[in-house]
Amino acid sequence: MTTTKSKIDREMFRKAHKEQQEQAKKGPEGHTLVSRAVIRLIENQLKEARVGEYTIQCDEAKSRKGGGKAPSPLQYFVAATGF
């Protein structure tokens, strides 16, 4: 039987969490996070968003007059709650 090593670096995760806790104890200064997205309509319900260095698309299902070419905004939202 072979064992596989976990791909999660738990020590790094714990260290990052501890650092965030220590920063939070110091107060709200430096904790403001600004995220911006540039959105463009490609066609019908298909949209593209540039967020930082990433480009993502969203669409609606054909039943909602979309093309079904990408996840819907609601599907992204549901996934984000798990992140």
PDB file of N, CA and C in Angstrom:
ATOM      1  N   MET A   1       0.843  -1.179   0.000  1.00  0.00           N
ATOM      2  CA  MET A   1       0.000   0.000   0.000  1.00  0.00           C
ATOM      3  C   MET A   1       0.886   1.239   0.000  1.00  0.00           C
ATOM      4  N   THR A   2       0.544   2.177  -0.854  1.00  0.00           N
ATOM      5  CA  THR A   2       1.301   3.425  -0.898  1.00  0.00           C
ATOM      6  C   THR A   2       0.498   4.524  -0.238  1.00  0.00           C
ATOM      7  N   THR A   3       1.201   5.430   0.357  1.00  0.00           N
ATOM      8  CA  THR A   3       0.526   6.581   0.966  1.00  0.00           C
ATOM      9  C   THR A   3       0.894   7.822   0.176  1.00  0.00           C
ATOM     10  N   THR A   4      -0.038   8.726   0.090  1.00  0.00           N
ATOM     11  CA  THR A   4       0.225   9.977  -0.603  1.00  0.00           C
ATOM     12  C   THR A   4       0.279  11.098   0.421  1.00  0.00           C
ATOM     13  N   LYS A   5       1.165  12.012   0.175  1.00  0.00           N
ATOM     14  CA  LYS A   5       1.314  13.152   1.073  1.00  0.00           C
ATOM     15  C   LYS A   5       0.219  14.175   0.770  1.00  0.00           C
ATOM     16  N   SER A   6      -0.318  14.773   1.802  1.00  0.00           N
ATOM     17  CA  SER A   6      -1.345  15.790   1.653  1.00  0.00           C
ATOM     18  C   SER A   6      -0.797  16.974   0.866  1.00  0.00           C
ATOM     19  N   LYS A   7      -1.614  17.530  -0.016  1.00  0.00           N
ATOM     20  CA  LYS A   7      -1.209  18.688  -0.799  1.00  0.00           C
ATOM     21  C   LYS A   7      -1.446  19.986  -0.048  1.00  0.00           C
ATOM     22  N   ILE A   8      -1.985  19.891   1.137  1.00  0.00           N
ATOM     23  CA  ILE A   8      -2.232  21.077   1.954  1.00  0.00           C
ATOM     24  C   ILE A   8      -1.088  21.228   2.940  1.00  0.00           C
ATOM     25  N   ASP A   9      -0.430  22.376   2.885  1.00  0.00           N
ATOM     26  CA  ASP A   9       0.647  22.673   3.819  1.00  0.00           C
ATOM     27  C   ASP A   9      -0.001  23.245   5.078  1.00  0.00           C
ATOM     28  N   ARG A  10      -0.301  22.375   6.005  1.00  0.00           N
ATOM     29  CA  ARG A  10      -1.035  22.789   7.205  1.00  0.00           C
ATOM     30  C   ARG A  10      -0.243  23.764   8.068  1.00  0.00           C
ATOM     31  N   GLU A  11       1.043  23.581   8.120  1.00  0.00           N
ATOM     32  CA  GLU A  11       1.859  24.494   8.914  1.00  0.00           C
ATOM     33  C   GLU A  11       1.809  25.907   8.327  1.00  0.00           C
ATOM     34  N   MET A  12       1.886  26.024   7.012  1.00  0.00           N
ATOM     35  CA  MET A  12       1.790  27.331   6.365  1.00  0.00           C
ATOM     36  C   MET A  12       0.408  27.943   6.612  1.00  0.00           C
ATOM     37  N   PHE A  13      -0.638  27.117   6.544  1.00  0.00           N
ATOM     38  CA  PHE A  13      -1.998  27.584   6.792  1.00  0.00           C
ATOM     39  C   PHE A  13      -2.119  28.113   8.219  1.00  0.00           C
ATOM     40  N   ARG A  14      -1.600  27.364   9.190  1.00  0.00           N
ATOM     41  CA  ARG A  14      -1.658  27.797  10.600  1.00  0.00           C
ATOM     42  C   ARG A  14      -0.892  29.109  10.809  1.00  0.00           C
ATOM     43  N   LYS A  15       0.284  29.213  10.179  1.00  0.00           N
ATOM     44  CA  LYS A  15       1.103  30.421  10.315  1.00  0.00           C
ATOM     45  C   LYS A  15       0.372  31.635   9.741  1.00  0.00           C
ATOM     46  N   ALA A  16      -0.212  31.487   8.559  1.00  0.00           N
ATOM     47  CA  ALA A  16      -0.952  32.594   7.940  1.00  0.00           C
ATOM     48  C   ALA A  16      -2.142  32.991   8.802  1.00  0.00           C
ATOM     49  N   HIS A  17      -2.849  32.004   9.350  1.00  0.00           N
ATOM     50  CA  HIS A  17      -4.006  32.287  10.200  1.00  0.00           C
ATOM     51  C   HIS A  17      -3.581  33.028  11.466  1.00  0.00           C
ATOM     52  N   LYS A  18      -2.484  32.584  12.060  1.00  0.00           N
ATOM     53  CA  LYS A  18      -1.979  33.232  13.278  1.00  0.00           C
ATOM     54  C   LYS A  18      -1.580  34.682  12.990  1.00  0.00           C
ATOM     55  N   GLU A  19      -0.908  34.919  11.854  1.00  0.00           N
ATOM     56  CA  GLU A  19      -0.515  36.279  11.482  1.00  0.00           C
ATOM     57  C   GLU A  19      -1.742  37.173  11.290  1.00  0.00           C
ATOM     58  N   GLN A  20      -2.779  36.643  10.672  1.00  0.00           N
ATOM     59  CA  GLN A  20      -4.009  37.413  10.474  1.00  0.00           C
ATOM     60  C   GLN A  20      -4.662  37.736  11.805  1.00  0.00           C
ATOM     61  N   GLN A  21      -4.647  36.805  12.733  1.00  0.00           N
ATOM     62  CA  GLN A  21      -5.205  37.057  14.065  1.00  0.00           C
ATOM     63  C   GLN A  21      -4.444  38.165  14.773  1.00  0.00           C
ATOM     64  N   GLU A  22      -3.119  38.124  14.690  1.00  0.00           N
ATOM     65  CA  GLU A  22      -2.297  39.142  15.343  1.00  0.00           C
ATOM     66  C   GLU A  22      -2.554  40.518  14.729  1.00  0.00           C
ATOM     67  N   GLN A  23      -2.677  40.592  13.417  1.00  0.00           N
ATOM     68  CA  GLN A  23      -2.962  41.862  12.746  1.00  0.00           C
ATOM     69  C   GLN A  23      -4.327  42.396  13.173  1.00  0.00           C
ATOM     70  N   ALA A  24      -5.313  41.526  13.291  1.00  0.00           N
ATOM     71  CA  ALA A  24      -6.666  41.941  13.674  1.00  0.00           C
ATOM     72  C   ALA A  24      -6.687  42.536  15.080  1.00  0.00           C
ATOM     73  N   LYS A  25      -5.832  42.038  15.952  1.00  0.00           N
ATOM     74  CA  LYS A  25      -5.770  42.562  17.324  1.00  0.00           C
ATOM     75  C   LYS A  25      -5.267  44.006  17.362  1.00  0.00           C
ATOM     76  N   LYS A  26      -4.530  44.423  16.340  1.00  0.00           N
ATOM     77  CA  LYS A  26      -3.970  45.770  16.294  1.00  0.00           C
ATOM     78  C   LYS A  26      -4.991  46.823  15.886  1.00  0.00           C
ATOM     79  N   GLY A  27      -6.118  46.426  15.365  1.00  0.00           N
ATOM     80  CA  GLY A  27      -7.142  47.384  14.967  1.00  0.00           C
ATOM     81  C   GLY A  27      -7.387  47.358  13.469  1.00  0.00           C
ATOM     82  N   PRO A  28      -8.305  48.214  13.010  1.00  0.00           N
ATOM     83  CA  PRO A  28      -8.722  48.167  11.607  1.00  0.00           C
ATOM     84  C   PRO A  28      -7.735  48.762  10.602  1.00  0.00           C
ATOM     85  N   GLU A  29      -6.732  49.515  11.062  1.00  0.00           N
ATOM     86  CA  GLU A  29      -5.785  50.124  10.137  1.00  0.00           C
ATOM     87  C   GLU A  29      -5.069  49.040   9.333  1.00  0.00           C
ATOM     88  N   GLY A  30      -4.982  49.278   8.060  1.00  0.00           N
ATOM     89  CA  GLY A  30      -4.294  48.322   7.199  1.00  0.00           C
ATOM     90  C   GLY A  30      -5.127  47.121   6.798  1.00  0.00           C
ATOM     91  N   HIS A  31      -6.382  47.109   7.193  1.00  0.00           N
ATOM     92  CA  HIS A  31      -7.241  45.964   6.883  1.00  0.00           C
ATOM     93  C   HIS A  31      -8.271  46.288   5.820  1.00  0.00           C
ATOM     94  N   THR A  32      -8.125  47.417   5.177  1.00  0.00           N
ATOM     95  CA  THR A  32      -9.055  47.770   4.118  1.00  0.00           C
ATOM     96  C   THR A  32      -8.611  47.086   2.833  1.00  0.00           C
ATOM     97  N   LEU A  33      -9.511  46.343   2.249  1.00  0.00           N
ATOM     98  CA  LEU A  33      -9.219  45.614   1.023  1.00  0.00           C
ATOM     99  C   LEU A  33     -10.117  46.147  -0.076  1.00  0.00           C
ATOM    100  N   VAL A  34      -9.520  46.570  -1.170  1.00  0.00           N
ATOM    101  CA  VAL A  34     -10.296  47.094  -2.293  1.00  0.00           C
ATOM    102  C   VAL A  34     -10.130  46.146  -3.469  1.00  0.00           C
ATOM    103  N   SER A  35     -11.225  45.651  -3.979  1.00  0.00           N
ATOM    104  CA  SER A  35     -11.209  44.810  -5.171  1.00  0.00           C
ATOM    105  C   SER A  35     -12.047  45.495  -6.234  1.00  0.00           C
ATOM    106  N   ARG A  36     -11.525  45.533  -7.431  1.00  0.00           N
ATOM    107  CA  ARG A  36     -12.239  46.149  -8.543  1.00  0.00           C
ATOM    108  C   ARG A  36     -12.363  45.141  -9.666  1.00  0.00           C
ATOM    109  N   ALA A  37     -13.454  45.249 -10.398  1.00  0.00           N
ATOM    110  CA  ALA A  37     -13.669  44.399 -11.566  1.00  0.00           C
ATOM    111  C   ALA A  37     -14.093  45.280 -12.733  1.00  0.00           C
ATOM    112  N   VAL A  38     -13.569  44.975 -13.895  1.00  0.00           N
ATOM    113  CA  VAL A  38     -13.973  45.645 -15.121  1.00  0.00           C
ATOM    114  C   VAL A  38     -14.823  44.637 -15.886  1.00  0.00           C
ATOM    115  N   ILE A  39     -16.073  44.996 -16.126  1.00  0.00           N
ATOM    116  CA  ILE A  39     -17.018  44.081 -16.744  1.00  0.00           C
ATOM    117  C   ILE A  39     -17.349  44.566 -18.151  1.00  0.00           C
ATOM    118  N   ARG A  40     -17.446  43.624 -19.077  1.00  0.00           N
ATOM    119  CA  ARG A  40     -17.905  43.992 -20.419  1.00  0.00           C
ATOM    120  C   ARG A  40     -18.900  42.956 -20.906  1.00  0.00           C
ATOM    121  N   LEU A  41     -19.896  43.445 -21.594  1.00  0.00           N
ATOM    122  CA  LEU A  41     -20.923  42.582 -22.176  1.00  0.00           C
ATOM    123  C   LEU A  41     -20.402  42.081 -23.512  1.00  0.00           C
ATOM    124  N   ILE A  42     -20.356  40.767 -23.676  1.00  0.00           N
ATOM    125  CA  ILE A  42     -19.857  40.176 -24.911  1.00  0.00           C
ATOM    126  C   ILE A  42     -21.004  39.972 -25.896  1.00  0.00           C
ATOM    127  N   GLU A  43     -22.051  39.286 -25.445  1.00  0.00           N
ATOM    128  CA  GLU A  43     -23.238  39.085 -26.279  1.00  0.00           C
ATOM    129  C   GLU A  43     -24.373  38.601 -25.393  1.00  0.00           C
ATOM    130  N   ASN A  44     -25.577  39.027 -25.699  1.00  0.00           N
ATOM    131  CA  ASN A  44     -26.761  38.629 -24.927  1.00  0.00           C
ATOM    132  C   ASN A  44     -26.488  38.665 -23.430  1.00  0.00           C
ATOM    133  N   GLN A  45     -26.451  37.518 -22.756  1.00  0.00           N
ATOM    134  CA  GLN A  45     -26.216  37.463 -21.309  1.00  0.00           C
ATOM    135  C   GLN A  45     -24.760  37.133 -20.960  1.00  0.00           C
ATOM    136  N   LEU A  46     -23.929  36.853 -21.965  1.00  0.00           N
ATOM    137  CA  LEU A  46     -22.533  36.491 -21.730  1.00  0.00           C
ATOM    138  C   LEU A  46     -21.722  37.739 -21.390  1.00  0.00           C
ATOM    139  N   LYS A  47     -21.074  37.710 -20.231  1.00  0.00           N
ATOM    140  CA  LYS A  47     -20.271  38.830 -19.754  1.00  0.00           C
ATOM    141  C   LYS A  47     -18.873  38.340 -19.395  1.00  0.00           C
ATOM    142  N   GLU A  48     -17.920  39.274 -19.442  1.00  0.00           N
ATOM    143  CA  GLU A  48     -16.545  38.960 -19.077  1.00  0.00           C
ATOM    144  C   GLU A  48     -16.115  39.936 -17.994  1.00  0.00           C
ATOM    145  N   ALA A  49     -15.424  39.443 -17.000  1.00  0.00           N
ATOM    146  CA  ALA A  49     -14.930  40.291 -15.918  1.00  0.00           C
ATOM    147  C   ALA A  49     -13.427  40.143 -15.802  1.00  0.00           C
ATOM    148  N   ARG A  50     -12.751  41.269 -15.672  1.00  0.00           N
ATOM    149  CA  ARG A  50     -11.328  41.273 -15.361  1.00  0.00           C
ATOM    150  C   ARG A  50     -11.200  41.670 -13.896  1.00  0.00           C
ATOM    151  N   VAL A  51     -10.677  40.757 -13.098  1.00  0.00           N
ATOM    152  CA  VAL A  51     -10.517  40.984 -11.667  1.00  0.00           C
ATOM    153  C   VAL A  51      -9.051  40.718 -11.342  1.00  0.00           C
ATOM    154  N   GLY A  52      -8.324  41.785 -11.069  1.00  0.00           N
ATOM    155  CA  GLY A  52      -6.887  41.620 -10.847  1.00  0.00           C
ATOM    156  C   GLY A  52      -6.252  41.033 -12.082  1.00  0.00           C
ATOM    157  N   GLU A  53      -5.546  39.960 -11.920  1.00  0.00           N
ATOM    158  CA  GLU A  53      -4.864  39.320 -13.047  1.00  0.00           C
ATOM    159  C   GLU A  53      -5.699  38.228 -13.708  1.00  0.00           C
ATOM    160  N   TYR A  54      -6.937  38.069 -13.273  1.00  0.00           N
ATOM    161  CA  TYR A  54      -7.787  36.994 -13.786  1.00  0.00           C
ATOM    162  C   TYR A  54      -8.898  37.529 -14.685  1.00  0.00           C
ATOM    163  N   THR A  55      -9.280  36.721 -15.661  1.00  0.00           N
ATOM    164  CA  THR A  55     -10.413  37.024 -16.521  1.00  0.00           C
ATOM    165  C   THR A  55     -11.387  35.859 -16.398  1.00  0.00           C
ATOM    166  N   ILE A  56     -12.621  36.177 -16.062  1.00  0.00           N
ATOM    167  CA  ILE A  56     -13.647  35.141 -15.932  1.00  0.00           C
ATOM    168  C   ILE A  56     -14.870  35.546 -16.740  1.00  0.00           C
ATOM    169  N   GLN A  57     -15.679  34.576 -17.080  1.00  0.00           N
ATOM    170  CA  GLN A  57     -16.915  34.843 -17.813  1.00  0.00           C
ATOM    171  C   GLN A  57     -18.089  34.285 -17.039  1.00  0.00           C
ATOM    172  N   CYS A  58     -19.242  34.895 -17.248  1.00  0.00           N
ATOM    173  CA  CYS A  58     -20.477  34.349 -16.707  1.00  0.00           C
ATOM    174  C   CYS A  58     -21.555  34.478 -17.776  1.00  0.00           C
ATOM    175  N   ASP A  59     -22.516  33.604 -17.705  1.00  0.00           N
ATOM    176  CA  ASP A  59     -23.612  33.556 -18.663  1.00  0.00           C
ATOM    177  C   ASP A  59     -24.834  33.045 -17.921  1.00  0.00           C
ATOM    178  N   GLU A  60     -25.933  33.068 -18.556  1.00  0.00           N
ATOM    179  CA  GLU A  60     -27.150  32.477 -18.006  1.00  0.00           C
ATOM    180  C   GLU A  60     -27.477  31.233 -18.802  1.00  0.00           C
ATOM    181  N   ALA A  61     -28.286  30.379 -18.229  1.00  0.00           N
ATOM    182  CA  ALA A  61     -28.729  29.165 -18.908  1.00  0.00           C
ATOM    183  C   ALA A  61     -29.603  29.532 -20.102  1.00  0.00           C
ATOM    184  N   LYS A  62     -29.693  28.637 -21.055  1.00  0.00           N
ATOM    185  CA  LYS A  62     -30.518  28.884 -22.245  1.00  0.00           C
ATOM    186  C   LYS A  62     -31.971  29.142 -21.855  1.00  0.00           C
ATOM    187  N   SER A  63     -32.423  28.512 -20.781  1.00  0.00           N
ATOM    188  CA  SER A  63     -33.799  28.716 -20.319  1.00  0.00           C
ATOM    189  C   SER A  63     -34.020  30.144 -19.807  1.00  0.00           C
ATOM    190  N   ARG A  64     -32.935  30.855 -19.511  1.00  0.00           N
ATOM    191  CA  ARG A  64     -33.018  32.250 -19.045  1.00  0.00           C
ATOM    192  C   ARG A  64     -32.519  33.214 -20.117  1.00  0.00           C
ATOM    193  N   LYS A  65     -32.585  32.757 -21.372  1.00  0.00           N
ATOM    194  CA  LYS A  65     -32.208  33.565 -22.533  1.00  0.00           C
ATOM    195  C   LYS A  65     -30.700  33.793 -22.648  1.00  0.00           C
ATOM    196  N   GLY A  66     -29.913  32.952 -21.990  1.00  0.00           N
ATOM    197  CA  GLY A  66     -28.471  33.012 -22.116  1.00  0.00           C
ATOM    198  C   GLY A  66     -27.983  31.956 -23.090  1.00  0.00           C
ATOM    199  N   GLY A  67     -26.697  31.850 -23.204  1.00  0.00           N
ATOM    200  CA  GLY A  67     -26.118  30.864 -24.107  1.00  0.00           C
ATOM    201  C   GLY A  67     -25.605  29.624 -23.399  1.00  0.00           C
ATOM    202  N   GLY A  68     -25.568  29.651 -22.058  1.00  0.00           N
ATOM    203  CA  GLY A  68     -25.078  28.508 -21.295  1.00  0.00           C
ATOM    204  C   GLY A  68     -23.594  28.250 -21.510  1.00  0.00           C
ATOM    205  N   LYS A  69     -22.837  29.293 -21.840  1.00  0.00           N
ATOM    206  CA  LYS A  69     -21.415  29.129 -22.158  1.00  0.00           C
ATOM    207  C   LYS A  69     -20.501  29.220 -20.937  1.00  0.00           C
ATOM    208  N   ALA A  70     -21.021  29.661 -19.814  1.00  0.00           N
ATOM    209  CA  ALA A  70     -20.214  29.832 -18.599  1.00  0.00           C
ATOM    210  C   ALA A  70     -21.156  29.757 -17.399  1.00  0.00           C
ATOM    211  N   PRO A  71     -20.612  29.610 -16.193  1.00  0.00           N
ATOM    212  CA  PRO A  71     -21.473  29.602 -15.008  1.00  0.00           C
ATOM    213  C   PRO A  71     -22.261  30.909 -14.884  1.00  0.00           C
ATOM    214  N   SER A  72     -23.407  30.815 -14.258  1.00  0.00           N
ATOM    215  CA  SER A  72     -24.229  32.009 -14.028  1.00  0.00           C
ATOM    216  C   SER A  72     -23.681  32.778 -12.830  1.00  0.00           C
ATOM    217  N   PRO A  73     -24.074  34.043 -12.682  1.00  0.00           N
ATOM    218  CA  PRO A  73     -23.641  34.797 -11.504  1.00  0.00           C
ATOM    219  C   PRO A  73     -24.035  34.094 -10.199  1.00  0.00           C
ATOM    220  N   LEU A  74     -25.218  33.500 -10.160  1.00  0.00           N
ATOM    221  CA  LEU A  74     -25.645  32.790  -8.952  1.00  0.00           C
ATOM    222  C   LEU A  74     -24.760  31.581  -8.687  1.00  0.00           C
ATOM    223  N   GLN A  75     -24.349  30.876  -9.727  1.00  0.00           N
ATOM    224  CA  GLN A  75     -23.458  29.728  -9.531  1.00  0.00           C
ATOM    225  C   GLN A  75     -22.103  30.177  -8.987  1.00  0.00           C
ATOM    226  N   TYR A  76     -21.608  31.307  -9.457  1.00  0.00           N
ATOM    227  CA  TYR A  76     -20.352  31.836  -8.890  1.00  0.00           C
ATOM    228  C   TYR A  76     -20.549  32.188  -7.406  1.00  0.00           C
ATOM    229  N   PHE A  77     -21.676  32.785  -7.090  1.00  0.00           N
ATOM    230  CA  PHE A  77     -21.953  33.164  -5.708  1.00  0.00           C
ATOM    231  C   PHE A  77     -22.000  31.936  -4.812  1.00  0.00           C
ATOM    232  N   VAL A  78     -22.700  30.906  -5.257  1.00  0.00           N
ATOM    233  CA  VAL A  78     -22.810  29.669  -4.463  1.00  0.00           C
ATOM    234  C   VAL A  78     -21.423  29.055  -4.258  1.00  0.00           C
ATOM    235  N   ALA A  79     -20.611  29.026  -5.313  1.00  0.00           N
ATOM    236  CA  ALA A  79     -19.260  28.493  -5.186  1.00  0.00           C
ATOM    237  C   ALA A  79     -18.430  29.336  -4.222  1.00  0.00           C
ATOM    238  N   ALA A  80     -18.588  30.651  -4.286  1.00  0.00           N
ATOM    239  CA  ALA A  80     -17.797  31.558  -3.437  1.00  0.00           C
ATOM    240  C   ALA A  80     -18.079  31.325  -1.961  1.00  0.00           C
ATOM    241  N   THR A  81     -19.278  30.939  -1.613  1.00  0.00           N
ATOM    242  CA  THR A  81     -19.575  30.681  -0.202  1.00  0.00           C
ATOM    243  C   THR A  81     -18.783  29.487   0.334  1.00  0.00           C
ATOM    244  N   GLY A  82     -18.360  28.610  -0.570  1.00  0.00           N
ATOM    245  CA  GLY A  82     -17.551  27.473  -0.148  1.00  0.00           C
ATOM    246  C   GLY A  82     -16.060  27.781  -0.070  1.00  0.00           C
ATOM    247  N   PHE A  83     -15.652  28.887  -0.672  1.00  0.00           N
ATOM    248  CA  PHE A  83     -14.239  29.249  -0.667  1.00  0.00           C
ATOM    249  C   PHE A  83     -13.892  29.892   0.634  1.00  0.00           C
TER     250      PHE A  83
END
